[in-house]
Amino acid sequence: LSGVDKPQLLYVGTAMGDEAGHGLRMIEAGQE
């Protein structure tokens, strides 16, 4: 929906207290 070839994605984990594991899993999923 962004219409961008290589979109810049920002993950916001406030609802889980910025728990580090959630952020890491999102980064790994993005790498994949």
PDB file of all heavy atoms in Angstrom:
ATOM      1  N   LEU A   1       0.809  -1.213   0.000  1.00  0.00           N
ATOM      2  CA  LEU A   1       0.000   0.000   0.000  1.00  0.00           C
ATOM      3  C   LEU A   1       0.845   1.266   0.000  1.00  0.00           C
ATOM      4  O   LEU A   1       0.368   2.335  -0.390  1.00  0.00           O
ATOM      5  CB  LEU A   1      -0.936   0.008   1.207  1.00  0.00           C
ATOM      6  CG  LEU A   1      -2.138  -0.943   1.146  1.00  0.00           C
ATOM      7  CD1 LEU A   1      -2.814  -1.037   2.513  1.00  0.00           C
ATOM      8  CD2 LEU A   1      -3.137  -0.490   0.088  1.00  0.00           C
ATOM      9  N   SER A   2       2.097   1.156   0.422  1.00  0.00           N
ATOM     10  CA  SER A   2       2.972   2.326   0.430  1.00  0.00           C
ATOM     11  C   SER A   2       3.324   2.778  -0.978  1.00  0.00           C
ATOM     12  O   SER A   2       3.686   3.930  -1.195  1.00  0.00           O
ATOM     13  CB  SER A   2       4.259   2.031   1.207  1.00  0.00           C
ATOM     14  OG  SER A   2       5.104   1.153   0.472  1.00  0.00           O
ATOM     15  N   GLY A   3       3.266   1.839  -1.942  1.00  0.00           N
ATOM     16  CA  GLY A   3       3.625   2.173  -3.303  1.00  0.00           C
ATOM     17  C   GLY A   3       5.107   2.376  -3.517  1.00  0.00           C
ATOM     18  O   GLY A   3       5.523   2.913  -4.552  1.00  0.00           O
ATOM     19  N   VAL A   4       5.931   1.910  -2.563  1.00  0.00           N
ATOM     20  CA  VAL A   4       7.379   2.100  -2.619  1.00  0.00           C
ATOM     21  C   VAL A   4       8.052   0.756  -2.870  1.00  0.00           C
ATOM     22  O   VAL A   4       7.657  -0.256  -2.280  1.00  0.00           O
ATOM     23  CB  VAL A   4       7.895   2.719  -1.299  1.00  0.00           C
ATOM     24  CG1 VAL A   4       9.410   2.849  -1.297  1.00  0.00           C
ATOM     25  CG2 VAL A   4       7.239   4.079  -1.067  1.00  0.00           C
ATOM     26  N   ASP A   5       9.061   0.729  -3.726  1.00  0.00           N
ATOM     27  CA  ASP A   5       9.744  -0.528  -4.047  1.00  0.00           C
ATOM     28  C   ASP A   5      10.416  -1.132  -2.830  1.00  0.00           C
ATOM     29  O   ASP A   5      10.324  -2.337  -2.582  1.00  0.00           O
ATOM     30  CB  ASP A   5      10.781  -0.301  -5.149  1.00  0.00           C
ATOM     31  CG  ASP A   5      10.135  -0.059  -6.508  1.00  0.00           C
ATOM     32  OD1 ASP A   5       8.978  -0.477  -6.679  1.00  0.00           O
ATOM     33  OD2 ASP A   5      10.784   0.552  -7.370  1.00  0.00           O
ATOM     34  N   LYS A   6      11.129  -0.329  -2.073  1.00  0.00           N
ATOM     35  CA  LYS A   6      11.803  -0.780  -0.860  1.00  0.00           C
ATOM     36  C   LYS A   6      11.318   0.068   0.316  1.00  0.00           C
ATOM     37  O   LYS A   6      11.999   0.984   0.771  1.00  0.00           O
ATOM     38  CB  LYS A   6      13.324  -0.662  -1.009  1.00  0.00           C
ATOM     39  CG  LYS A   6      13.945  -1.726  -1.898  1.00  0.00           C
ATOM     40  CD  LYS A   6      13.912  -3.087  -1.206  1.00  0.00           C
ATOM     41  CE  LYS A   6      14.635  -4.146  -2.030  1.00  0.00           C
ATOM     42  NZ  LYS A   6      14.582  -5.476  -1.365  1.00  0.00           N
ATOM     43  N   PRO A   7      10.121  -0.219   0.799  1.00  0.00           N
ATOM     44  CA  PRO A   7       9.554   0.628   1.851  1.00  0.00           C
ATOM     45  C   PRO A   7      10.327   0.540   3.156  1.00  0.00           C
ATOM     46  O   PRO A   7      10.874  -0.503   3.513  1.00  0.00           O
ATOM     47  CB  PRO A   7       8.135   0.072   2.025  1.00  0.00           C
ATOM     48  CG  PRO A   7       8.206  -1.331   1.510  1.00  0.00           C
ATOM     49  CD  PRO A   7       9.226  -1.322   0.422  1.00  0.00           C
ATOM     50  N   GLN A   8      10.382   1.652   3.835  1.00  0.00           N
ATOM     51  CA  GLN A   8      10.985   1.729   5.163  1.00  0.00           C
ATOM     52  C   GLN A   8       9.903   1.411   6.191  1.00  0.00           C
ATOM     53  O   GLN A   8       8.899   2.119   6.287  1.00  0.00           O
ATOM     54  CB  GLN A   8      11.561   3.128   5.411  1.00  0.00           C
ATOM     55  CG  GLN A   8      12.647   3.532   4.433  1.00  0.00           C
ATOM     56  CD  GLN A   8      13.885   2.673   4.592  1.00  0.00           C
ATOM     57  OE1 GLN A   8      14.391   2.490   5.698  1.00  0.00           O
ATOM     58  NE2 GLN A   8      14.386   2.150   3.490  1.00  0.00           N
ATOM     59  N   LEU A   9      10.112   0.338   6.973  1.00  0.00           N
ATOM     60  CA  LEU A   9       9.106  -0.133   7.926  1.00  0.00           C
ATOM     61  C   LEU A   9       9.527   0.190   9.353  1.00  0.00           C
ATOM     62  O   LEU A   9      10.655  -0.095   9.760  1.00  0.00           O
ATOM     63  CB  LEU A   9       8.915  -1.642   7.768  1.00  0.00           C
ATOM     64  CG  LEU A   9       7.954  -2.321   8.751  1.00  0.00           C
ATOM     65  CD1 LEU A   9       6.538  -1.787   8.600  1.00  0.00           C
ATOM     66  CD2 LEU A   9       7.971  -3.837   8.549  1.00  0.00           C
ATOM     67  N   LEU A  10       8.596   0.771  10.091  1.00  0.00           N
ATOM     68  CA  LEU A  10       8.827   1.084  11.504  1.00  0.00           C
ATOM     69  C   LEU A  10       7.897   0.224  12.348  1.00  0.00           C
ATOM     70  O   LEU A  10       6.670   0.262  12.174  1.00  0.00           O
ATOM     71  CB  LEU A  10       8.544   2.563  11.773  1.00  0.00           C
ATOM     72  CG  LEU A  10       8.799   3.059  13.201  1.00  0.00           C
ATOM     73  CD1 LEU A  10      10.275   2.953  13.565  1.00  0.00           C
ATOM     74  CD2 LEU A  10       8.318   4.505  13.363  1.00  0.00           C
ATOM     75  N   TYR A  11       8.472  -0.564  13.265  1.00  0.00           N
ATOM     76  CA  TYR A  11       7.673  -1.390  14.177  1.00  0.00           C
ATOM     77  C   TYR A  11       7.541  -0.685  15.515  1.00  0.00           C
ATOM     78  O   TYR A  11       8.536  -0.247  16.116  1.00  0.00           O
ATOM     79  CB  TYR A  11       8.317  -2.761  14.376  1.00  0.00           C
ATOM     80  CG  TYR A  11       7.619  -3.585  15.431  1.00  0.00           C
ATOM     81  CD1 TYR A  11       6.324  -4.061  15.240  1.00  0.00           C
ATOM     82  CD2 TYR A  11       8.244  -3.868  16.649  1.00  0.00           C
ATOM     83  CE1 TYR A  11       5.672  -4.795  16.210  1.00  0.00           C
ATOM     84  CE2 TYR A  11       7.602  -4.611  17.635  1.00  0.00           C
ATOM     85  CZ  TYR A  11       6.319  -5.065  17.403  1.00  0.00           C
ATOM     86  OH  TYR A  11       5.676  -5.785  18.376  1.00  0.00           O
ATOM     87  N   VAL A  12       6.294  -0.594  15.994  1.00  0.00           N
ATOM     88  CA  VAL A  12       6.001   0.069  17.269  1.00  0.00           C
ATOM     89  C   VAL A  12       5.444  -0.968  18.233  1.00  0.00           C
ATOM     90  O   VAL A  12       4.342  -1.484  18.043  1.00  0.00           O
ATOM     91  CB  VAL A  12       4.990   1.223  17.068  1.00  0.00           C
ATOM     92  CG1 VAL A  12       4.741   1.938  18.403  1.00  0.00           C
ATOM     93  CG2 VAL A  12       5.490   2.199  16.015  1.00  0.00           C
ATOM     94  N   GLY A  13       6.205  -1.285  19.277  1.00  0.00           N
ATOM     95  CA  GLY A  13       5.818  -2.327  20.223  1.00  0.00           C
ATOM     96  C   GLY A  13       5.380  -1.807  21.572  1.00  0.00           C
ATOM     97  O   GLY A  13       5.477  -2.530  22.573  1.00  0.00           O
ATOM     98  N   THR A  14       4.868  -0.582  21.617  1.00  0.00           N
ATOM     99  CA  THR A  14       4.467   0.023  22.895  1.00  0.00           C
ATOM    100  C   THR A  14       3.480  -0.839  23.665  1.00  0.00           C
ATOM    101  O   THR A  14       3.535  -0.926  24.896  1.00  0.00           O
ATOM    102  CB  THR A  14       3.818   1.406  22.653  1.00  0.00           C
ATOM    103  OG1 THR A  14       4.565   2.138  21.695  1.00  0.00           O
ATOM    104  CG2 THR A  14       3.731   2.190  23.950  1.00  0.00           C
ATOM    105  N   ALA A  15       2.550  -1.476  22.972  1.00  0.00           N
ATOM    106  CA  ALA A  15       1.482  -2.228  23.633  1.00  0.00           C
ATOM    107  C   ALA A  15       2.011  -3.421  24.417  1.00  0.00           C
ATOM    108  O   ALA A  15       1.324  -3.942  25.298  1.00  0.00           O
ATOM    109  CB  ALA A  15       0.447  -2.695  22.615  1.00  0.00           C
ATOM    110  N   MET A  16       3.234  -3.872  24.111  1.00  0.00           N
ATOM    111  CA  MET A  16       3.886  -4.941  24.875  1.00  0.00           C
ATOM    112  C   MET A  16       5.072  -4.408  25.668  1.00  0.00           C
ATOM    113  O   MET A  16       5.996  -5.143  26.008  1.00  0.00           O
ATOM    114  CB  MET A  16       4.333  -6.059  23.942  1.00  0.00           C
ATOM    115  CG  MET A  16       3.192  -6.884  23.361  1.00  0.00           C
ATOM    116  SD  MET A  16       2.249  -7.796  24.622  1.00  0.00           S
ATOM    117  CE  MET A  16       3.448  -9.049  25.089  1.00  0.00           C
ATOM    118  N   GLY A  17       5.040  -3.121  25.969  1.00  0.00           N
ATOM    119  CA  GLY A  17       6.088  -2.529  26.785  1.00  0.00           C
ATOM    120  C   GLY A  17       7.449  -2.507  26.109  1.00  0.00           C
ATOM    121  O   GLY A  17       8.485  -2.525  26.787  1.00  0.00           O
ATOM    122  N   ASP A  18       7.453  -2.460  24.768  1.00  0.00           N
ATOM    123  CA  ASP A  18       8.715  -2.472  24.009  1.00  0.00           C
ATOM    124  C   ASP A  18       9.568  -3.680  24.369  1.00  0.00           C
ATOM    125  O   ASP A  18      10.802  -3.589  24.424  1.00  0.00           O
ATOM    126  CB  ASP A  18       9.517  -1.181  24.229  1.00  0.00           C
ATOM    127  CG  ASP A  18       8.857   0.030  23.605  1.00  0.00           C
ATOM    128  OD1 ASP A  18       8.026  -0.146  22.688  1.00  0.00           O
ATOM    129  OD2 ASP A  18       9.162   1.156  24.030  1.00  0.00           O
ATOM    130  N   GLU A  19       8.928  -4.812  24.631  1.00  0.00           N
ATOM    131  CA  GLU A  19       9.650  -6.032  25.000  1.00  0.00           C
ATOM    132  C   GLU A  19      10.657  -6.372  23.904  1.00  0.00           C
ATOM    133  O   GLU A  19      10.332  -6.438  22.725  1.00  0.00           O
ATOM    134  CB  GLU A  19       8.645  -7.166  25.188  1.00  0.00           C
ATOM    135  CG  GLU A  19       9.185  -8.360  25.966  1.00  0.00           C
ATOM    136  CD  GLU A  19       9.880  -9.338  25.063  1.00  0.00           C
ATOM    137  OE1 GLU A  19       9.394  -9.563  23.942  1.00  0.00           O
ATOM    138  OE2 GLU A  19      10.926  -9.878  25.480  1.00  0.00           O
ATOM    139  N   ALA A  20      11.913  -6.551  24.314  1.00  0.00           N
ATOM    140  CA  ALA A  20      13.018  -6.668  23.355  1.00  0.00           C
ATOM    141  C   ALA A  20      12.842  -7.837  22.397  1.00  0.00           C
ATOM    142  O   ALA A  20      13.188  -7.742  21.216  1.00  0.00           O
ATOM    143  CB  ALA A  20      14.344  -6.786  24.099  1.00  0.00           C
ATOM    144  N   GLY A  21      12.304  -8.951  22.895  1.00  0.00           N
ATOM    145  CA  GLY A  21      12.154 -10.123  22.050  1.00  0.00           C
ATOM    146  C   GLY A  21      11.238  -9.885  20.873  1.00  0.00           C
ATOM    147  O   GLY A  21      11.489 -10.376  19.764  1.00  0.00           O
ATOM    148  N   HIS A  22      10.161  -9.122  21.081  1.00  0.00           N
ATOM    149  CA  HIS A  22       9.241  -8.834  19.985  1.00  0.00           C
ATOM    150  C   HIS A  22       9.935  -8.019  18.899  1.00  0.00           C
ATOM    151  O   HIS A  22       9.780  -8.289  17.706  1.00  0.00           O
ATOM    152  CB  HIS A  22       8.016  -8.083  20.501  1.00  0.00           C
ATOM    153  CG  HIS A  22       7.058  -8.935  21.280  1.00  0.00           C
ATOM    154  ND1 HIS A  22       6.123  -9.740  20.678  1.00  0.00           N
ATOM    155  CD2 HIS A  22       6.901  -9.104  22.612  1.00  0.00           C
ATOM    156  CE1 HIS A  22       5.425 -10.377  21.603  1.00  0.00           C
ATOM    157  NE2 HIS A  22       5.885 -10.018  22.787  1.00  0.00           N
ATOM    158  N   GLY A  23      10.690  -7.028  19.321  1.00  0.00           N
ATOM    159  CA  GLY A  23      11.407  -6.220  18.353  1.00  0.00           C
ATOM    160  C   GLY A  23      12.409  -7.034  17.561  1.00  0.00           C
ATOM    161  O   GLY A  23      12.525  -6.894  16.337  1.00  0.00           O
ATOM    162  N   LEU A  24      13.144  -7.905  18.258  1.00  0.00           N
ATOM    163  CA  LEU A  24      14.135  -8.748  17.586  1.00  0.00           C
ATOM    164  C   LEU A  24      13.471  -9.675  16.582  1.00  0.00           C
ATOM    165  O   LEU A  24      13.971  -9.855  15.457  1.00  0.00           O
ATOM    166  CB  LEU A  24      14.917  -9.558  18.622  1.00  0.00           C
ATOM    167  CG  LEU A  24      15.970 -10.525  18.067  1.00  0.00           C
ATOM    168  CD1 LEU A  24      17.018  -9.776  17.256  1.00  0.00           C
ATOM    169  CD2 LEU A  24      16.624 -11.304  19.208  1.00  0.00           C
ATOM    170  N   ARG A  25      12.345 -10.251  16.956  1.00  0.00           N
ATOM    171  CA  ARG A  25      11.644 -11.150  16.033  1.00  0.00           C
ATOM    172  C   ARG A  25      11.159 -10.410  14.789  1.00  0.00           C
ATOM    173  O   ARG A  25      11.172 -10.963  13.679  1.00  0.00           O
ATOM    174  CB  ARG A  25      10.486 -11.844  16.750  1.00  0.00           C
ATOM    175  CG  ARG A  25      10.955 -12.931  17.733  1.00  0.00           C
ATOM    176  CD  ARG A  25       9.800 -13.736  18.262  1.00  0.00           C
ATOM    177  NE  ARG A  25       9.030 -13.031  19.253  1.00  0.00           N
ATOM    178  CZ  ARG A  25       9.321 -12.987  20.562  1.00  0.00           C
ATOM    179  NH1 ARG A  25      10.397 -13.620  21.017  1.00  0.00           N
ATOM    180  NH2 ARG A  25       8.554 -12.330  21.409  1.00  0.00           N
ATOM    181  N   MET A  26      10.741  -9.160  14.959  1.00  0.00           N
ATOM    182  CA  MET A  26      10.320  -8.378  13.801  1.00  0.00           C
ATOM    183  C   MET A  26      11.503  -8.048  12.894  1.00  0.00           C
ATOM    184  O   MET A  26      11.393  -8.082  11.664  1.00  0.00           O
ATOM    185  CB  MET A  26       9.614  -7.103  14.254  1.00  0.00           C
ATOM    186  CG  MET A  26       8.220  -7.330  14.821  1.00  0.00           C
ATOM    187  SD  MET A  26       7.047  -7.988  13.604  1.00  0.00           S
ATOM    188  CE  MET A  26       6.894  -6.595  12.492  1.00  0.00           C
ATOM    189  N   ILE A  27      12.637  -7.734  13.489  1.00  0.00           N
ATOM    190  CA  ILE A  27      13.834  -7.454  12.694  1.00  0.00           C
ATOM    191  C   ILE A  27      14.238  -8.691  11.903  1.00  0.00           C
ATOM    192  O   ILE A  27      14.552  -8.612  10.708  1.00  0.00           O
ATOM    193  CB  ILE A  27      14.976  -6.981  13.611  1.00  0.00           C
ATOM    194  CG1 ILE A  27      14.658  -5.581  14.160  1.00  0.00           C
ATOM    195  CG2 ILE A  27      16.309  -6.971  12.850  1.00  0.00           C
ATOM    196  CD1 ILE A  27      15.621  -5.104  15.229  1.00  0.00           C
ATOM    197  N   GLU A  28      14.220  -9.856  12.546  1.00  0.00           N
ATOM    198  CA  GLU A  28      14.581 -11.104  11.866  1.00  0.00           C
ATOM    199  C   GLU A  28      13.584 -11.427  10.749  1.00  0.00           C
ATOM    200  O   GLU A  28      13.977 -11.865   9.663  1.00  0.00           O
ATOM    201  CB  GLU A  28      14.635 -12.251  12.872  1.00  0.00           C
ATOM    202  CG  GLU A  28      15.788 -12.154  13.847  1.00  0.00           C
ATOM    203  CD  GLU A  28      15.758 -13.240  14.899  1.00  0.00           C
ATOM    204  OE1 GLU A  28      14.666 -13.816  15.135  1.00  0.00           O
ATOM    205  OE2 GLU A  28      16.804 -13.511  15.495  1.00  0.00           O
ATOM    206  N   ALA A  29      12.300 -11.205  11.014  1.00  0.00           N
ATOM    207  CA  ALA A  29      11.296 -11.441   9.981  1.00  0.00           C
ATOM    208  C   ALA A  29      11.511 -10.505   8.795  1.00  0.00           C
ATOM    209  O   ALA A  29      11.355 -10.902   7.634  1.00  0.00           O
ATOM    210  CB  ALA A  29       9.889 -11.249  10.560  1.00  0.00           C
ATOM    211  N   GLY A  30      11.884  -9.273   9.085  1.00  0.00           N
ATOM    212  CA  GLY A  30      12.167  -8.329   8.019  1.00  0.00           C
ATOM    213  C   GLY A  30      13.370  -8.747   7.197  1.00  0.00           C
ATOM    214  O   GLY A  30      13.360  -8.630   5.964  1.00  0.00           O
ATOM    215  N   GLN A  31      14.404  -9.228   7.855  1.00  0.00           N
ATOM    216  CA  GLN A  31      15.586  -9.702   7.132  1.00  0.00           C
ATOM    217  C   GLN A  31      15.214 -10.831   6.184  1.00  0.00           C
ATOM    218  O   GLN A  31      15.677 -10.886   5.036  1.00  0.00           O
ATOM    219  CB  GLN A  31      16.654 -10.163   8.130  1.00  0.00           C
ATOM    220  CG  GLN A  31      17.291  -9.027   8.906  1.00  0.00           C
ATOM    221  CD  GLN A  31      18.215  -9.506  10.012  1.00  0.00           C
ATOM    222  OE1 GLN A  31      18.131 -10.654  10.453  1.00  0.00           O
ATOM    223  NE2 GLN A  31      19.090  -8.633  10.479  1.00  0.00           N
ATOM    224  N   GLU A  32      14.372 -11.746   6.643  1.00  0.00           N
ATOM    225  CA  GLU A  32      13.934 -12.866   5.804  1.00  0.00           C
ATOM    226  C   GLU A  32      13.133 -12.359   4.606  1.00  0.00           C
ATOM    227  O   GLU A  32      13.181 -12.951   3.521  1.00  0.00           O
ATOM    228  CB  GLU A  32      13.092 -13.833   6.638  1.00  0.00           C
ATOM    229  CG  GLU A  32      12.762 -15.147   5.958  1.00  0.00           C
ATOM    230  CD  GLU A  32      13.956 -16.089   5.846  1.00  0.00           C
ATOM    231  OE1 GLU A  32      15.011 -15.818   6.466  1.00  0.00           O
ATOM    232  OE2 GLU A  32      13.835 -17.089   5.121  1.00  0.00           O
TER     233      GLU A  32
END
